[in-house]
């Protein structure tokens, strides 16, 4: 199962494409990803 969280706010370089994410935004994206994985029925020790 591949989980995608779209529209995550970041700071992105227009020249090289490198991007960074703030701690709060990263935590929120991770939480949304975990919820989506659990809702999709993923049941692994890693996810837990």
ModelCIF file with pLDDT and N, C-alpha, C, O atoms, coordinates in Angstrom:
data_MODEL
#
_entry.id   MODEL 
#
_entity.id                         1 
_entity.type                       polymer 
_entity.pdbx_number_of_molecules   1 
#
_entity_poly.entity_id                      1 
_entity_poly.type                           'polypeptide(L)' 
_entity_poly.nstd_linkage                   no 
_entity_poly.nstd_monomer                   no 
_entity_poly.pdbx_seq_one_letter_code       
;(UNK)(UNK)(UNK)(UNK)(UNK)(UNK)(UNK)(UNK)(UNK)(UNK)(UNK)(UNK)(UNK)(UNK)(UNK)(UNK)
(UNK)(UNK)(UNK)(UNK)(UNK)(UNK)(UNK)(UNK)(UNK)(UNK)(UNK)(UNK)(UNK)(UNK)(UNK)(UNK)
(UNK)(UNK)(UNK)(UNK)(UNK)(UNK)(UNK)(UNK)(UNK)(UNK)(UNK)(UNK)(UNK)(UNK)(UNK)(UNK)
;
_entity_poly.pdbx_seq_one_letter_code_can   XXXXXXXXXXXXXXXXXXXXXXXXXXXXXXXXXXXXXXXXXXXXXXXX 
_entity_poly.pdbx_strand_id                 A 
#
loop_
_entity_poly_seq.entity_id 
_entity_poly_seq.num 
_entity_poly_seq.mon_id 
_entity_poly_seq.hetero 
1 1  UNK n 
1 2  UNK n 
1 3  UNK n 
1 4  UNK n 
1 5  UNK n 
1 6  UNK n 
1 7  UNK n 
1 8  UNK n 
1 9  UNK n 
1 10 UNK n 
1 11 UNK n 
1 12 UNK n 
1 13 UNK n 
1 14 UNK n 
1 15 UNK n 
1 16 UNK n 
1 17 UNK n 
1 18 UNK n 
1 19 UNK n 
1 20 UNK n 
1 21 UNK n 
1 22 UNK n 
1 23 UNK n 
1 24 UNK n 
1 25 UNK n 
1 26 UNK n 
1 27 UNK n 
1 28 UNK n 
1 29 UNK n 
1 30 UNK n 
1 31 UNK n 
1 32 UNK n 
1 33 UNK n 
1 34 UNK n 
1 35 UNK n 
1 36 UNK n 
1 37 UNK n 
1 38 UNK n 
1 39 UNK n 
1 40 UNK n 
1 41 UNK n 
1 42 UNK n 
1 43 UNK n 
1 44 UNK n 
1 45 UNK n 
1 46 UNK n 
1 47 UNK n 
1 48 UNK n 
#
_struct_asym.id          A 
_struct_asym.entity_id   1 
#
loop_
_ma_qa_metric.id 
_ma_qa_metric.mode 
_ma_qa_metric.name 
_ma_qa_metric.software_group_id 
_ma_qa_metric.type 
1 global pLDDT . pLDDT 
2 local  pLDDT . pLDDT 
#
_ma_qa_metric_global.metric_id      1 
_ma_qa_metric_global.metric_value   96.23 
_ma_qa_metric_global.model_id       1 
_ma_qa_metric_global.ordinal_id     1 
#
loop_
_ma_qa_metric_local.label_asym_id 
_ma_qa_metric_local.label_comp_id 
_ma_qa_metric_local.label_seq_id 
_ma_qa_metric_local.metric_id 
_ma_qa_metric_local.metric_value 
_ma_qa_metric_local.model_id 
_ma_qa_metric_local.ordinal_id 
A UNK 1  2 95.00 1 1  
A UNK 2  2 97.00 1 2  
A UNK 3  2 97.00 1 3  
A UNK 4  2 97.00 1 4  
A UNK 5  2 97.00 1 5  
A UNK 6  2 97.00 1 6  
A UNK 7  2 97.00 1 7  
A UNK 8  2 97.00 1 8  
A UNK 9  2 97.00 1 9  
A UNK 10 2 97.00 1 10 
A UNK 11 2 96.00 1 11 
A UNK 12 2 95.00 1 12 
A UNK 13 2 94.00 1 13 
A UNK 14 2 93.00 1 14 
A UNK 15 2 93.00 1 15 
A UNK 16 2 94.00 1 16 
A UNK 17 2 93.00 1 17 
A UNK 18 2 94.00 1 18 
A UNK 19 2 95.00 1 19 
A UNK 20 2 95.00 1 20 
A UNK 21 2 96.00 1 21 
A UNK 22 2 95.00 1 22 
A UNK 23 2 96.00 1 23 
A UNK 24 2 95.00 1 24 
A UNK 25 2 97.00 1 25 
A UNK 26 2 96.00 1 26 
A UNK 27 2 96.00 1 27 
A UNK 28 2 97.00 1 28 
A UNK 29 2 97.00 1 29 
A UNK 30 2 97.00 1 30 
A UNK 31 2 98.00 1 31 
A UNK 32 2 98.00 1 32 
A UNK 33 2 97.00 1 33 
A UNK 34 2 98.00 1 34 
A UNK 35 2 98.00 1 35 
A UNK 36 2 97.00 1 36 
A UNK 37 2 98.00 1 37 
A UNK 38 2 98.00 1 38 
A UNK 39 2 97.00 1 39 
A UNK 40 2 96.00 1 40 
A UNK 41 2 96.00 1 41 
A UNK 42 2 97.00 1 42 
A UNK 43 2 97.00 1 43 
A UNK 44 2 96.00 1 44 
A UNK 45 2 96.00 1 45 
A UNK 46 2 95.00 1 46 
A UNK 47 2 97.00 1 47 
A UNK 48 2 98.00 1 48 
#
loop_
_atom_site.group_PDB 
_atom_site.id 
_atom_site.type_symbol 
_atom_site.label_atom_id 
_atom_site.label_alt_id 
_atom_site.label_comp_id 
_atom_site.label_asym_id 
_atom_site.label_entity_id 
_atom_site.label_seq_id 
_atom_site.pdbx_PDB_ins_code 
_atom_site.Cartn_x 
_atom_site.Cartn_y 
_atom_site.Cartn_z 
_atom_site.occupancy 
_atom_site.B_iso_or_equiv 
_atom_site.pdbx_formal_charge 
_atom_site.auth_seq_id 
_atom_site.auth_comp_id 
_atom_site.auth_asym_id 
_atom_site.auth_atom_id 
_atom_site.pdbx_PDB_model_num 
ATOM 1   N N  . UNK A 1 1  ? 0.839  -1.196 0.000   1.00 95.00 ? 1  UNK A N  1 
ATOM 2   C CA . UNK A 1 1  ? 0.000  0.000  0.000   1.00 95.00 ? 1  UNK A CA 1 
ATOM 3   C C  . UNK A 1 1  ? 0.877  1.249  0.000   1.00 95.00 ? 1  UNK A C  1 
ATOM 4   O O  . UNK A 1 1  ? 1.731  1.430  0.868   1.00 95.00 ? 1  UNK A O  1 
ATOM 5   N N  . UNK A 1 2  ? 0.647  2.103  -0.989  1.00 97.00 ? 2  UNK A N  1 
ATOM 6   C CA . UNK A 1 2  ? 1.345  3.377  -1.057  1.00 97.00 ? 2  UNK A CA 1 
ATOM 7   C C  . UNK A 1 2  ? 0.383  4.464  -0.601  1.00 97.00 ? 2  UNK A C  1 
ATOM 8   O O  . UNK A 1 2  ? -0.708 4.607  -1.152  1.00 97.00 ? 2  UNK A O  1 
ATOM 9   N N  . UNK A 1 3  ? 0.789  5.229  0.408   1.00 97.00 ? 3  UNK A N  1 
ATOM 10  C CA . UNK A 1 3  ? -0.030 6.316  0.934   1.00 97.00 ? 3  UNK A CA 1 
ATOM 11  C C  . UNK A 1 3  ? 0.590  7.635  0.482   1.00 97.00 ? 3  UNK A C  1 
ATOM 12  O O  . UNK A 1 3  ? 1.795  7.845  0.629   1.00 97.00 ? 3  UNK A O  1 
ATOM 13  N N  . UNK A 1 4  ? -0.234 8.517  -0.065  1.00 97.00 ? 4  UNK A N  1 
ATOM 14  C CA . UNK A 1 4  ? 0.222  9.813  -0.549  1.00 97.00 ? 4  UNK A CA 1 
ATOM 15  C C  . UNK A 1 4  ? -0.543 10.904 0.193   1.00 97.00 ? 4  UNK A C  1 
ATOM 16  O O  . UNK A 1 4  ? -1.773 10.900 0.234   1.00 97.00 ? 4  UNK A O  1 
ATOM 17  N N  . UNK A 1 5  ? 0.201  11.831 0.773   1.00 97.00 ? 5  UNK A N  1 
ATOM 18  C CA . UNK A 1 5  ? -0.409 13.023 1.383   1.00 97.00 ? 5  UNK A CA 1 
ATOM 19  C C  . UNK A 1 5  ? -0.097 14.174 0.443   1.00 97.00 ? 5  UNK A C  1 
ATOM 20  O O  . UNK A 1 5  ? 1.064  14.522 0.228   1.00 97.00 ? 5  UNK A O  1 
ATOM 21  N N  . UNK A 1 6  ? -1.133 14.750 -0.106  1.00 97.00 ? 6  UNK A N  1 
ATOM 22  C CA . UNK A 1 6  ? -0.977 15.808 -1.096  1.00 97.00 ? 6  UNK A CA 1 
ATOM 23  C C  . UNK A 1 6  ? -1.073 17.188 -0.469  1.00 97.00 ? 6  UNK A C  1 
ATOM 24  O O  . UNK A 1 6  ? -1.634 17.360 0.613   1.00 97.00 ? 6  UNK A O  1 
ATOM 25  N N  . UNK A 1 7  ? -0.518 18.161 -1.163  1.00 97.00 ? 7  UNK A N  1 
ATOM 26  C CA . UNK A 1 7  ? -0.673 19.570 -0.831  1.00 97.00 ? 7  UNK A CA 1 
ATOM 27  C C  . UNK A 1 7  ? 0.006  19.953 0.491   1.00 97.00 ? 7  UNK A C  1 
ATOM 28  O O  . UNK A 1 7  ? -0.504 20.792 1.233   1.00 97.00 ? 7  UNK A O  1 
ATOM 29  N N  . UNK A 1 8  ? 1.149  19.338 0.778   1.00 97.00 ? 8  UNK A N  1 
ATOM 30  C CA . UNK A 1 8  ? 1.892  19.616 2.006   1.00 97.00 ? 8  UNK A CA 1 
ATOM 31  C C  . UNK A 1 8  ? 2.717  20.883 1.812   1.00 97.00 ? 8  UNK A C  1 
ATOM 32  O O  . UNK A 1 8  ? 3.485  20.972 0.854   1.00 97.00 ? 8  UNK A O  1 
ATOM 33  N N  . UNK A 1 9  ? 2.574  21.876 2.713   1.00 97.00 ? 9  UNK A N  1 
ATOM 34  C CA . UNK A 1 9  ? 3.342  23.113 2.562   1.00 97.00 ? 9  UNK A CA 1 
ATOM 35  C C  . UNK A 1 9  ? 4.831  22.916 2.855   1.00 97.00 ? 9  UNK A C  1 
ATOM 36  O O  . UNK A 1 9  ? 5.205  22.328 3.869   1.00 97.00 ? 9  UNK A O  1 
ATOM 37  N N  . UNK A 1 10 ? 5.665  23.417 1.952   1.00 97.00 ? 10 UNK A N  1 
ATOM 38  C CA . UNK A 1 10 ? 7.118  23.320 2.081   1.00 97.00 ? 10 UNK A CA 1 
ATOM 39  C C  . UNK A 1 10 ? 7.752  24.617 1.593   1.00 97.00 ? 10 UNK A C  1 
ATOM 40  O O  . UNK A 1 10 ? 7.067  25.504 1.084   1.00 97.00 ? 10 UNK A O  1 
ATOM 41  N N  . UNK A 1 11 ? 9.049  24.714 1.753   1.00 96.00 ? 11 UNK A N  1 
ATOM 42  C CA . UNK A 1 11 ? 9.854  25.770 1.138   1.00 96.00 ? 11 UNK A CA 1 
ATOM 43  C C  . UNK A 1 11 ? 10.629 25.076 0.017   1.00 96.00 ? 11 UNK A C  1 
ATOM 44  O O  . UNK A 1 11 ? 11.370 24.128 0.279   1.00 96.00 ? 11 UNK A O  1 
ATOM 45  N N  . UNK A 1 12 ? 10.470 25.529 -1.216  1.00 95.00 ? 12 UNK A N  1 
ATOM 46  C CA . UNK A 1 12 ? 11.067 24.833 -2.355  1.00 95.00 ? 12 UNK A CA 1 
ATOM 47  C C  . UNK A 1 12 ? 11.917 25.783 -3.193  1.00 95.00 ? 12 UNK A C  1 
ATOM 48  O O  . UNK A 1 12 ? 11.531 26.924 -3.444  1.00 95.00 ? 12 UNK A O  1 
ATOM 49  N N  . UNK A 1 13 ? 13.089 25.289 -3.627  1.00 94.00 ? 13 UNK A N  1 
ATOM 50  C CA . UNK A 1 13 ? 13.990 26.058 -4.478  1.00 94.00 ? 13 UNK A CA 1 
ATOM 51  C C  . UNK A 1 13 ? 13.531 25.926 -5.931  1.00 94.00 ? 13 UNK A C  1 
ATOM 52  O O  . UNK A 1 13 ? 13.376 24.818 -6.445  1.00 94.00 ? 13 UNK A O  1 
ATOM 53  N N  . UNK A 1 14 ? 13.319 27.054 -6.576  1.00 93.00 ? 14 UNK A N  1 
ATOM 54  C CA . UNK A 1 14 ? 12.882 27.049 -7.972  1.00 93.00 ? 14 UNK A CA 1 
ATOM 55  C C  . UNK A 1 14 ? 13.996 26.603 -8.910  1.00 93.00 ? 14 UNK A C  1 
ATOM 56  O O  . UNK A 1 14 ? 13.714 26.157 -10.022 1.00 93.00 ? 14 UNK A O  1 
ATOM 57  N N  . UNK A 1 15 ? 15.260 26.713 -8.487  1.00 93.00 ? 15 UNK A N  1 
ATOM 58  C CA . UNK A 1 15 ? 16.378 26.338 -9.348  1.00 93.00 ? 15 UNK A CA 1 
ATOM 59  C C  . UNK A 1 15 ? 16.719 24.853 -9.282  1.00 93.00 ? 15 UNK A C  1 
ATOM 60  O O  . UNK A 1 15 ? 16.784 24.189 -10.317 1.00 93.00 ? 15 UNK A O  1 
ATOM 61  N N  . UNK A 1 16 ? 16.938 24.324 -8.077  1.00 94.00 ? 16 UNK A N  1 
ATOM 62  C CA . UNK A 1 16 ? 17.383 22.928 -7.974  1.00 94.00 ? 16 UNK A CA 1 
ATOM 63  C C  . UNK A 1 16 ? 16.268 21.969 -7.567  1.00 94.00 ? 16 UNK A C  1 
ATOM 64  O O  . UNK A 1 16 ? 16.447 20.754 -7.650  1.00 94.00 ? 16 UNK A O  1 
ATOM 65  N N  . UNK A 1 17 ? 15.122 22.489 -7.130  1.00 93.00 ? 17 UNK A N  1 
ATOM 66  C CA . UNK A 1 17 ? 13.999 21.635 -6.766  1.00 93.00 ? 17 UNK A CA 1 
ATOM 67  C C  . UNK A 1 17 ? 14.059 21.094 -5.342  1.00 93.00 ? 17 UNK A C  1 
ATOM 68  O O  . UNK A 1 17 ? 13.121 20.437 -4.891  1.00 93.00 ? 17 UNK A O  1 
ATOM 69  N N  . UNK A 1 18 ? 15.138 21.361 -4.639  1.00 94.00 ? 18 UNK A N  1 
ATOM 70  C CA . UNK A 1 18 ? 15.273 20.903 -3.250  1.00 94.00 ? 18 UNK A CA 1 
ATOM 71  C C  . UNK A 1 18 ? 14.196 21.577 -2.397  1.00 94.00 ? 18 UNK A C  1 
ATOM 72  O O  . UNK A 1 18 ? 13.900 22.759 -2.569  1.00 94.00 ? 18 UNK A O  1 
ATOM 73  N N  . UNK A 1 19 ? 13.615 20.801 -1.472  1.00 95.00 ? 19 UNK A N  1 
ATOM 74  C CA . UNK A 1 19 ? 12.611 21.397 -0.606  1.00 95.00 ? 19 UNK A CA 1 
ATOM 75  C C  . UNK A 1 19 ? 12.832 20.983 0.831   1.00 95.00 ? 19 UNK A C  1 
ATOM 76  O O  . UNK A 1 19 ? 13.409 19.933 1.114   1.00 95.00 ? 19 UNK A O  1 
ATOM 77  N N  . UNK A 1 20 ? 12.363 21.825 1.732   1.00 95.00 ? 20 UNK A N  1 
ATOM 78  C CA . UNK A 1 20 ? 12.423 21.538 3.160   1.00 95.00 ? 20 UNK A CA 1 
ATOM 79  C C  . UNK A 1 20 ? 11.037 21.728 3.737   1.00 95.00 ? 20 UNK A C  1 
ATOM 80  O O  . UNK A 1 20 ? 10.220 22.495 3.227   1.00 95.00 ? 20 UNK A O  1 
ATOM 81  N N  . UNK A 1 21 ? 10.801 21.011 4.809   1.00 96.00 ? 21 UNK A N  1 
ATOM 82  C CA . UNK A 1 21 ? 9.496  21.063 5.455   1.00 96.00 ? 21 UNK A CA 1 
ATOM 83  C C  . UNK A 1 21 ? 9.697  21.428 6.915   1.00 96.00 ? 21 UNK A C  1 
ATOM 84  O O  . UNK A 1 21 ? 10.642 20.965 7.554   1.00 96.00 ? 21 UNK A O  1 
ATOM 85  N N  . UNK A 1 22 ? 8.810  22.254 7.438   1.00 95.00 ? 22 UNK A N  1 
ATOM 86  C CA . UNK A 1 22 ? 8.871  22.632 8.844   1.00 95.00 ? 22 UNK A CA 1 
ATOM 87  C C  . UNK A 1 22 ? 8.456  21.465 9.737   1.00 95.00 ? 22 UNK A C  1 
ATOM 88  O O  . UNK A 1 22 ? 7.772  20.545 9.291   1.00 95.00 ? 22 UNK A O  1 
ATOM 89  N N  . UNK A 1 23 ? 8.869  21.512 10.980  1.00 96.00 ? 23 UNK A N  1 
ATOM 90  C CA . UNK A 1 23 ? 8.575  20.422 11.913  1.00 96.00 ? 23 UNK A CA 1 
ATOM 91  C C  . UNK A 1 23 ? 7.075  20.197 12.076  1.00 96.00 ? 23 UNK A C  1 
ATOM 92  O O  . UNK A 1 23 ? 6.618  19.055 12.033  1.00 96.00 ? 23 UNK A O  1 
ATOM 93  N N  . UNK A 1 24 ? 6.312  21.257 12.259  1.00 95.00 ? 24 UNK A N  1 
ATOM 94  C CA . UNK A 1 24 ? 4.867  21.121 12.459  1.00 95.00 ? 24 UNK A CA 1 
ATOM 95  C C  . UNK A 1 24 ? 4.194  20.535 11.220  1.00 95.00 ? 24 UNK A C  1 
ATOM 96  O O  . UNK A 1 24 ? 3.329  19.666 11.330  1.00 95.00 ? 24 UNK A O  1 
ATOM 97  N N  . UNK A 1 25 ? 4.596  21.015 10.038  1.00 97.00 ? 25 UNK A N  1 
ATOM 98  C CA . UNK A 1 25 ? 4.012  20.505 8.797   1.00 97.00 ? 25 UNK A CA 1 
ATOM 99  C C  . UNK A 1 25 ? 4.393  19.036 8.576   1.00 97.00 ? 25 UNK A C  1 
ATOM 100 O O  . UNK A 1 25 ? 3.578  18.235 8.119   1.00 97.00 ? 25 UNK A O  1 
ATOM 101 N N  . UNK A 1 26 ? 5.647  18.696 8.909   1.00 96.00 ? 26 UNK A N  1 
ATOM 102 C CA . UNK A 1 26 ? 6.094  17.306 8.774   1.00 96.00 ? 26 UNK A CA 1 
ATOM 103 C C  . UNK A 1 26 ? 5.337  16.387 9.705   1.00 96.00 ? 26 UNK A C  1 
ATOM 104 O O  . UNK A 1 26 ? 4.931  15.296 9.305   1.00 96.00 ? 26 UNK A O  1 
ATOM 105 N N  . UNK A 1 27 ? 5.138  16.814 10.955  1.00 96.00 ? 27 UNK A N  1 
ATOM 106 C CA . UNK A 1 27 ? 4.374  16.005 11.909  1.00 96.00 ? 27 UNK A CA 1 
ATOM 107 C C  . UNK A 1 27 ? 2.952  15.799 11.421  1.00 96.00 ? 27 UNK A C  1 
ATOM 108 O O  . UNK A 1 27 ? 2.425  14.687 11.475  1.00 96.00 ? 27 UNK A O  1 
ATOM 109 N N  . UNK A 1 28 ? 2.326  16.878 10.940  1.00 97.00 ? 28 UNK A N  1 
ATOM 110 C CA . UNK A 1 28 ? 0.942  16.776 10.450  1.00 97.00 ? 28 UNK A CA 1 
ATOM 111 C C  . UNK A 1 28 ? 0.852  15.829 9.245   1.00 97.00 ? 28 UNK A C  1 
ATOM 112 O O  . UNK A 1 28 ? -0.070 15.017 9.162   1.00 97.00 ? 28 UNK A O  1 
ATOM 113 N N  . UNK A 1 29 ? 1.796  15.930 8.325   1.00 97.00 ? 29 UNK A N  1 
ATOM 114 C CA . UNK A 1 29 ? 1.800  15.039 7.160   1.00 97.00 ? 29 UNK A CA 1 
ATOM 115 C C  . UNK A 1 29 ? 1.975  13.590 7.601   1.00 97.00 ? 29 UNK A C  1 
ATOM 116 O O  . UNK A 1 29 ? 1.300  12.700 7.082   1.00 97.00 ? 29 UNK A O  1 
ATOM 117 N N  . UNK A 1 30 ? 2.873  13.344 8.552   1.00 97.00 ? 30 UNK A N  1 
ATOM 118 C CA . UNK A 1 30 ? 3.087  11.980 9.054   1.00 97.00 ? 30 UNK A CA 1 
ATOM 119 C C  . UNK A 1 30 ? 1.828  11.438 9.727   1.00 97.00 ? 30 UNK A C  1 
ATOM 120 O O  . UNK A 1 30 ? 1.464  10.280 9.521   1.00 97.00 ? 30 UNK A O  1 
ATOM 121 N N  . UNK A 1 31 ? 1.165  12.266 10.529  1.00 98.00 ? 31 UNK A N  1 
ATOM 122 C CA . UNK A 1 31 ? -0.064 11.836 11.195  1.00 98.00 ? 31 UNK A CA 1 
ATOM 123 C C  . UNK A 1 31 ? -1.153 11.508 10.186  1.00 98.00 ? 31 UNK A C  1 
ATOM 124 O O  . UNK A 1 31 ? -1.854 10.507 10.329  1.00 98.00 ? 31 UNK A O  1 
ATOM 125 N N  . UNK A 1 32 ? -1.297 12.350 9.162   1.00 98.00 ? 32 UNK A N  1 
ATOM 126 C CA . UNK A 1 32 ? -2.285 12.079 8.112   1.00 98.00 ? 32 UNK A CA 1 
ATOM 127 C C  . UNK A 1 32 ? -1.956 10.787 7.367   1.00 98.00 ? 32 UNK A C  1 
ATOM 128 O O  . UNK A 1 32 ? -2.850 10.018 7.015   1.00 98.00 ? 32 UNK A O  1 
ATOM 129 N N  . UNK A 1 33 ? -0.665 10.559 7.131   1.00 97.00 ? 33 UNK A N  1 
ATOM 130 C CA . UNK A 1 33 ? -0.232 9.347  6.436   1.00 97.00 ? 33 UNK A CA 1 
ATOM 131 C C  . UNK A 1 33 ? -0.541 8.104  7.279   1.00 97.00 ? 33 UNK A C  1 
ATOM 132 O O  . UNK A 1 33 ? -1.032 7.102  6.758   1.00 97.00 ? 33 UNK A O  1 
ATOM 133 N N  . UNK A 1 34 ? -0.252 8.175  8.566   1.00 98.00 ? 34 UNK A N  1 
ATOM 134 C CA . UNK A 1 34 ? -0.539 7.040  9.445   1.00 98.00 ? 34 UNK A CA 1 
ATOM 135 C C  . UNK A 1 34 ? -2.033 6.750  9.497   1.00 98.00 ? 34 UNK A C  1 
ATOM 136 O O  . UNK A 1 34 ? -2.442 5.591  9.423   1.00 98.00 ? 34 UNK A O  1 
ATOM 137 N N  . UNK A 1 35 ? -2.851 7.791  9.622   1.00 98.00 ? 35 UNK A N  1 
ATOM 138 C CA . UNK A 1 35 ? -4.304 7.593  9.644   1.00 98.00 ? 35 UNK A CA 1 
ATOM 139 C C  . UNK A 1 35 ? -4.809 6.973  8.350   1.00 98.00 ? 35 UNK A C  1 
ATOM 140 O O  . UNK A 1 35 ? -5.659 6.083  8.374   1.00 98.00 ? 35 UNK A O  1 
ATOM 141 N N  . UNK A 1 36 ? -4.290 7.437  7.227   1.00 97.00 ? 36 UNK A N  1 
ATOM 142 C CA . UNK A 1 36 ? -4.710 6.881  5.936   1.00 97.00 ? 36 UNK A CA 1 
ATOM 143 C C  . UNK A 1 36 ? -4.296 5.414  5.821   1.00 97.00 ? 36 UNK A C  1 
ATOM 144 O O  . UNK A 1 36 ? -5.059 4.598  5.303   1.00 97.00 ? 36 UNK A O  1 
ATOM 145 N N  . UNK A 1 37 ? -3.110 5.075  6.293   1.00 98.00 ? 37 UNK A N  1 
ATOM 146 C CA . UNK A 1 37 ? -2.639 3.685  6.229   1.00 98.00 ? 37 UNK A CA 1 
ATOM 147 C C  . UNK A 1 37 ? -3.497 2.787  7.116   1.00 98.00 ? 37 UNK A C  1 
ATOM 148 O O  . UNK A 1 37 ? -3.881 1.692  6.706   1.00 98.00 ? 37 UNK A O  1 
ATOM 149 N N  . UNK A 1 38 ? -3.798 3.247  8.324   1.00 98.00 ? 38 UNK A N  1 
ATOM 150 C CA . UNK A 1 38 ? -4.650 2.453  9.220   1.00 98.00 ? 38 UNK A CA 1 
ATOM 151 C C  . UNK A 1 38 ? -6.031 2.281  8.606   1.00 98.00 ? 38 UNK A C  1 
ATOM 152 O O  . UNK A 1 38 ? -6.587 1.183  8.634   1.00 98.00 ? 38 UNK A O  1 
ATOM 153 N N  . UNK A 1 39 ? -6.591 3.351  8.054   1.00 97.00 ? 39 UNK A N  1 
ATOM 154 C CA . UNK A 1 39 ? -7.919 3.285  7.424   1.00 97.00 ? 39 UNK A CA 1 
ATOM 155 C C  . UNK A 1 39 ? -7.927 2.344  6.222   1.00 97.00 ? 39 UNK A C  1 
ATOM 156 O O  . UNK A 1 39 ? -8.949 1.733  5.912   1.00 97.00 ? 39 UNK A O  1 
ATOM 157 N N  . UNK A 1 40 ? -6.777 2.231  5.546   1.00 96.00 ? 40 UNK A N  1 
ATOM 158 C CA . UNK A 1 40 ? -6.676 1.343  4.379   1.00 96.00 ? 40 UNK A CA 1 
ATOM 159 C C  . UNK A 1 40 ? -6.483 -0.117 4.786   1.00 96.00 ? 40 UNK A C  1 
ATOM 160 O O  . UNK A 1 40 ? -6.481 -1.004 3.932   1.00 96.00 ? 40 UNK A O  1 
ATOM 161 N N  . UNK A 1 41 ? -6.322 -0.367 6.077   1.00 96.00 ? 41 UNK A N  1 
ATOM 162 C CA . UNK A 1 41 ? -6.181 -1.743 6.543   1.00 96.00 ? 41 UNK A CA 1 
ATOM 163 C C  . UNK A 1 41 ? -4.757 -2.228 6.687   1.00 96.00 ? 41 UNK A C  1 
ATOM 164 O O  . UNK A 1 41 ? -4.533 -3.425 6.864   1.00 96.00 ? 41 UNK A O  1 
ATOM 165 N N  . UNK A 1 42 ? -3.785 -1.331 6.617   1.00 97.00 ? 42 UNK A N  1 
ATOM 166 C CA . UNK A 1 42 ? -2.391 -1.729 6.837   1.00 97.00 ? 42 UNK A CA 1 
ATOM 167 C C  . UNK A 1 42 ? -2.254 -2.133 8.298   1.00 97.00 ? 42 UNK A C  1 
ATOM 168 O O  . UNK A 1 42 ? -2.682 -1.398 9.188   1.00 97.00 ? 42 UNK A O  1 
ATOM 169 N N  . UNK A 1 43 ? -1.668 -3.284 8.548   1.00 97.00 ? 43 UNK A N  1 
ATOM 170 C CA . UNK A 1 43 ? -1.519 -3.816 9.903   1.00 97.00 ? 43 UNK A CA 1 
ATOM 171 C C  . UNK A 1 43 ? -0.120 -4.390 10.082  1.00 97.00 ? 43 UNK A C  1 
ATOM 172 O O  . UNK A 1 43 ? 0.058  -5.606 10.159  1.00 97.00 ? 43 UNK A O  1 
ATOM 173 N N  . UNK A 1 44 ? 0.857  -3.516 10.147  1.00 96.00 ? 44 UNK A N  1 
ATOM 174 C CA . UNK A 1 44 ? 2.242  -3.969 10.333  1.00 96.00 ? 44 UNK A CA 1 
ATOM 175 C C  . UNK A 1 44 ? 2.793  -3.438 11.648  1.00 96.00 ? 44 UNK A C  1 
ATOM 176 O O  . UNK A 1 44 ? 2.318  -2.434 12.178  1.00 96.00 ? 44 UNK A O  1 
ATOM 177 N N  . UNK A 1 45 ? 3.783  -4.118 12.157  1.00 96.00 ? 45 UNK A N  1 
ATOM 178 C CA . UNK A 1 45 ? 4.454  -3.664 13.360  1.00 96.00 ? 45 UNK A CA 1 
ATOM 179 C C  . UNK A 1 45 ? 5.094  -2.304 13.154  1.00 96.00 ? 45 UNK A C  1 
ATOM 180 O O  . UNK A 1 45 ? 5.064  -1.449 14.038  1.00 96.00 ? 45 UNK A O  1 
ATOM 181 N N  . UNK A 1 46 ? 5.676  -2.113 11.971  1.00 95.00 ? 46 UNK A N  1 
ATOM 182 C CA . UNK A 1 46 ? 6.302  -0.824 11.653  1.00 95.00 ? 46 UNK A CA 1 
ATOM 183 C C  . UNK A 1 46 ? 5.290  0.314  11.765  1.00 95.00 ? 46 UNK A C  1 
ATOM 184 O O  . UNK A 1 46 ? 5.589  1.351  12.358  1.00 95.00 ? 46 UNK A O  1 
ATOM 185 N N  . UNK A 1 47 ? 4.098  0.132  11.203  1.00 97.00 ? 47 UNK A N  1 
ATOM 186 C CA . UNK A 1 47 ? 3.069  1.177  11.269  1.00 97.00 ? 47 UNK A CA 1 
ATOM 187 C C  . UNK A 1 47 ? 2.609  1.391  12.702  1.00 97.00 ? 47 UNK A C  1 
ATOM 188 O O  . UNK A 1 47 ? 2.385  2.529  13.114  1.00 97.00 ? 47 UNK A O  1 
ATOM 189 N N  . UNK A 1 48 ? 2.468  0.328  13.458  1.00 98.00 ? 48 UNK A N  1 
ATOM 190 C CA . UNK A 1 48 ? 2.038  0.468  14.839  1.00 98.00 ? 48 UNK A CA 1 
ATOM 191 C C  . UNK A 1 48 ? 3.070  1.274  15.637  1.00 98.00 ? 48 UNK A C  1 
ATOM 192 O O  . UNK A 1 48 ? 2.885  1.501  16.832  1.00 98.00 ? 48 UNK A O  1 
#
